[in-house]
Protein backbone atom coordinates (compact mmCIF):
# COMPACT_ATOMS: atom_id res chain seq x y z
CA MET A 1 -1.96 91.23 94.63
CA ILE A 2 -1.14 87.65 93.73
CA GLU A 3 -1.80 86.54 97.30
CA LEU A 4 -5.22 88.18 97.20
CA ALA A 5 -6.05 86.54 93.88
CA LEU A 6 -5.11 83.14 95.28
CA MET A 7 -6.96 83.58 98.57
CA LEU A 8 -10.11 85.35 97.33
CA PRO A 9 -11.94 82.19 96.15
CA MET A 10 -11.27 80.52 99.51
CA LEU A 11 -12.44 83.59 101.42
CA VAL A 12 -15.66 83.82 99.38
CA PHE A 13 -16.28 80.09 99.84
CA ALA A 14 -15.76 80.42 103.60
CA LEU A 15 -17.99 83.49 103.87
CA LEU A 16 -20.89 82.09 101.86
CA GLY A 17 -20.52 78.64 103.40
CA GLY A 18 -20.64 80.18 106.87
CA ALA A 19 -23.79 82.08 105.93
CA ASP A 20 -25.43 78.87 104.69
CA MET A 21 -24.51 77.04 107.89
CA ALA A 22 -25.86 79.90 110.00
CA ARG A 23 -29.10 79.73 108.02
CA ALA A 24 -29.30 75.97 108.61
CA PHE A 25 -28.77 76.46 112.34
CA ALA A 26 -31.52 79.11 112.47
CA LEU A 27 -33.91 76.80 110.61
CA GLN A 28 -33.12 73.93 112.97
CA ILE A 29 -34.01 76.11 115.95
CA ALA A 30 -37.16 77.30 114.16
CA VAL A 31 -38.29 73.69 113.58
CA GLU A 32 -37.71 72.86 117.26
CA ASN A 33 -39.66 75.95 118.32
CA GLY A 34 -42.44 75.14 115.84
CA SER A 35 -43.00 71.66 117.23
CA ARG A 36 -43.07 73.08 120.76
CA ALA A 37 -45.49 75.85 119.80
CA GLY A 38 -47.86 73.40 118.10
CA ALA A 39 -47.88 71.02 121.06
CA GLU A 40 -48.35 73.88 123.49
CA ALA A 41 -51.23 75.34 121.46
CA TYR A 42 -53.00 71.98 121.53
CA ALA A 43 -52.23 71.20 125.17
CA ILE A 44 -53.51 74.43 126.73
CA ASP A 45 -56.62 74.94 124.57
CA SER A 46 -59.97 73.93 126.08
CA THR A 47 -61.29 72.79 122.68
CA PRO A 48 -58.16 71.76 120.78
CA THR A 49 -58.07 70.85 117.11
CA ASN A 50 -55.30 69.51 114.93
CA ALA A 51 -55.65 72.52 112.62
CA GLU A 52 -54.93 74.94 115.48
CA ALA A 53 -51.80 73.03 116.46
CA GLN A 54 -50.64 72.90 112.85
CA ALA A 55 -51.29 76.62 112.38
CA ALA A 56 -49.31 77.47 115.52
CA ALA A 57 -46.37 75.34 114.38
CA VAL A 58 -46.39 76.79 110.86
CA ALA A 59 -46.61 80.37 112.16
CA GLU A 60 -43.69 79.82 114.53
CA VAL A 61 -41.41 78.31 111.89
CA ASN A 62 -42.32 80.87 109.23
CA ARG A 63 -41.17 83.71 111.49
CA THR A 64 -37.64 82.74 110.51
CA PRO A 65 -36.42 84.40 107.31
CA THR A 66 -36.27 82.06 104.28
CA ALA A 67 -38.46 79.44 106.02
CA ASN A 68 -41.48 78.24 104.09
CA LEU A 69 -43.33 75.57 106.05
CA SER A 70 -46.83 74.34 105.17
CA ALA A 71 -49.43 72.52 107.28
CA ALA A 72 -48.65 69.36 105.30
CA ASP A 73 -45.25 69.22 107.02
CA VAL A 74 -46.80 69.13 110.52
CA THR A 75 -48.27 65.95 112.02
CA VAL A 76 -50.38 65.97 115.18
CA THR A 77 -51.06 62.72 117.07
CA LYS A 78 -52.89 62.08 120.32
CA ALA A 79 -52.36 59.02 122.47
CA ARG A 80 -51.91 57.81 126.00
CA ALA A 81 -48.49 57.46 127.63
CA ASP A 82 -47.74 54.25 125.70
CA GLY A 83 -48.00 56.21 122.44
CA VAL A 84 -50.50 53.80 120.87
CA THR A 85 -53.71 53.61 122.91
CA ALA A 86 -56.40 56.15 122.04
CA CYS A 87 -57.19 58.89 124.53
CA VAL A 88 -60.35 58.97 126.62
CA SER A 89 -62.38 62.15 126.54
CA PRO A 90 -61.95 64.04 128.77
CA PRO A 91 -58.57 62.85 130.07
CA THR A 92 -58.19 62.42 133.80
CA VAL A 93 -55.28 62.54 136.20
CA THR A 94 -55.12 58.75 136.26
CA ILE A 95 -55.63 58.37 132.50
CA PRO A 96 -53.72 61.28 130.91
CA CYS A 97 -53.61 62.07 127.22
CA PHE A 98 -50.52 63.30 125.36
CA VAL A 99 -50.25 65.22 122.12
CA SER A 100 -47.21 64.91 119.86
CA VAL A 101 -46.46 67.45 117.16
CA ARG A 102 -43.90 66.46 114.53
CA VAL A 103 -42.43 69.05 112.18
CA VAL A 104 -40.42 67.94 109.15
CA TYR A 105 -38.61 70.58 107.11
CA ALA A 106 -36.51 69.94 104.00
CA TRP A 107 -33.61 72.37 103.85
CA SER A 108 -31.30 73.15 100.95
CA THR A 109 -28.34 75.46 100.58
CA LEU A 110 -28.58 78.73 98.71
CA ALA A 111 -25.92 77.58 96.25
CA ALA A 112 -24.96 74.13 95.00
CA TRP A 113 -21.61 73.58 96.71
CA PRO A 114 -19.09 71.16 95.26
CA PHE A 115 -18.01 68.25 97.48
CA VAL A 116 -20.45 69.30 100.24
CA PRO A 117 -24.00 68.03 100.94
CA ASN A 118 -26.45 70.58 99.57
CA GLY A 119 -29.40 69.92 101.84
CA GLY A 120 -30.96 67.88 104.56
CA THR A 121 -34.09 67.32 106.60
CA PHE A 122 -34.84 68.72 110.03
CA ASP A 123 -37.28 66.51 111.94
CA ARG A 124 -38.40 67.35 115.47
CA THR A 125 -41.18 66.03 117.69
CA THR A 126 -42.49 67.54 120.91
CA THR A 127 -44.85 65.71 123.26
CA MET A 128 -46.95 67.42 125.92
CA ARG A 129 -49.67 66.33 128.29
CA THR A 130 -53.09 67.81 127.56
CA PHE A 131 -55.04 69.63 130.27
CA TYR A 132 -58.50 70.12 128.85
């Protein structure tokens, strides 16, 4: 019984810490998928809007349990290949336009762990060529 009493705090710490790390990994994948979904929604739509891309990104991330992303955390930018020059409308094969969707998600652990960072920021950007 003494061995169990000595090891139980370490086992609980390992179990809950592993659950927090698994949750962080799932949220990282959700942020990556959200940026891809937003860029894809903008790129394949014939009349794209920033709001549609943001909504697609938010919906994709929020499918993950415990995720709570808002449209304010999603940035949509349109530019040519250099990333600065404005797009021409409609884009052509010789003058393509690219959309970039950036998703930023602030993550925190379920419990405040001693001696361990208790949060972080996941930041992913996906760029796709538009075809409208």
